[in-house]
Amino acid sequence: MPNTYETKLWGGRFRGDEDALMQHFNSECWRTSWLVEPDIQGSLAHVAMQVKCGLLTSAEGETLTRGLETILADFKAGQLVYTEEYEDVHTFVELHLIRRVGDVGKKLHTARSRNDQCNVDMKLYVKQQAHHVAALIDTFCATLQRVAEENPWMMPGYTHLQRAQVVTFKYHLMAYCEMMLRDKKRLLNAVDVMDESPLGCGALAGTTHIIDRSYTAQLLGFSHGACKNFLDGVSDRDFVLEVLSDFSILMMHLSRLAEELILWSSAEFGFVVLDDKYTTGSSIMPQKKNPDGAELVRGRTGRVYGDLMALLCAMKGLPLAYNKDMQQDKDSFADALDVVTASLMMMERMIGTLQAKPEAMEAAVKKGFLNATEVADYLVQHGVPFRDAHGIVGQIVIYCEDAQKGIEELSLDELLQFSPAFGPDIFSYIDYAAILQKGIKKEML
């Protein structure tokens, strides 16, 4: 195995090599290969700034730029492998650069530290992935809208999981579209808040070299320029926490929809049939068709919450500036990102292929006294105080339960037993289709 000095950026001060367990414990290679590209992107901007400020000659800058670009190309092609002998992605890139271009590669790290470098890498990656998740949300919302438009059937709306008032399947689905759009806004807002470059902050107190932090911020696309405070710039992990918080809320929304798909696809509801592609069977019960895709979305939501809590706990007691505990941001973010992207794609496909059962939805509407509120509204419009109307309709419901009838099935004479305010127009007023046509309720159609 190469000695510490050959595979570490800090080996000169040490007399002996790391213990093998310490090397494995300290290494990030097996879980952070996704940082290679942003690390090279940040290094390319740093080289351009070094040339601009006279820390490198133009020829040296061209040599380093070509070297970094070839490393990235070889890495993407699978010809260069990030292995555990390298402590982290920064070491991997820099040492391969030195092997390719010689001693000039040793000048790459002038005027920066791994502390500002790793935060640049993470910000570039988190920004990119936040935009990717936002695009997945757009795709999901488009599918929700398409399926909603294709299924304008009436169905029960629920509170306390009890039938409450009539809505439409379309309107119900579009509620989740609203949630997703808020999730997208939160993610894009997080990107805006984090859009400052840490590059040039150094280890914690900047550098004595003359550099241009604004220039690297511009090259890397940080719209708010460079971080104002060096200590904060290298020790900030708020941007990861904020996106993890947004991911957690997003997963909560997906989990609620997953729960409804699980309920709706059960025999007790029968409102939808999920496509075979996203269900599984039982090893013993041949009739089973289990909504496993939805159950996994619901179950994995807790993993994202755990990733958020893990990083919050890692950060809560840290003094300024950098501490190795902060390495946990990579595990937490990568795991949450995997869950969120897979869950969004799975939910989009389940919604996009489900089959709605309007006859089951309509039957559930007619069994739940979902027009009771409208009966009370009718009485109010005919001069009955609402609180009295509420009590009258409660008595009507009891009567209907005993008679095993819906309110709309009662005769006018039966209704008049409860209030003289009823007239023949009550029946058109409480017809379910008519209810959805009234005033603002038309938005549900």
Foldseek 3Di string as FASTA:
>chain_A
DDACVLQEPPPPVDDHGDDPVVLQVQADQVQVPVLLVLLLLLLLLLLVFCCVQVVDPPVLSVLLNVLSVVVVVCVVVVNQGRDSSHRYSNSSRLSSSCVVRNPSSVSSCPFAAVLLSVLSSVLLVLLVLLVVLLVLLVLLLVLLQVLLVVFQFKFFDDDPNAGAAIFGPSLVSVVLNVLSVVLNVQSVVLNLVPLAGLTQLHPQNGDPRDTDQQSSSVSSVRPVTHDPHSFCSRADPVSLLSNLVSLLSNLVSLLVVLVVVQVCCDPVQVFKPWDQVQWDADPPDRVDTHNVLSVVSNVCSVLSVVLSVQQCVLNVPDDIHDDSSNVSSSVSNVVSSVSSVVNSVSSSVRSNPMGGDSVSRVVNNQQRLNLLVLQLVLVVVLPDPSVLSNVLSVVVVVVCVVVVHHPLPDDQVVSVVSPVSDDPCVNCSRDRVSVCVDDPSVVSD
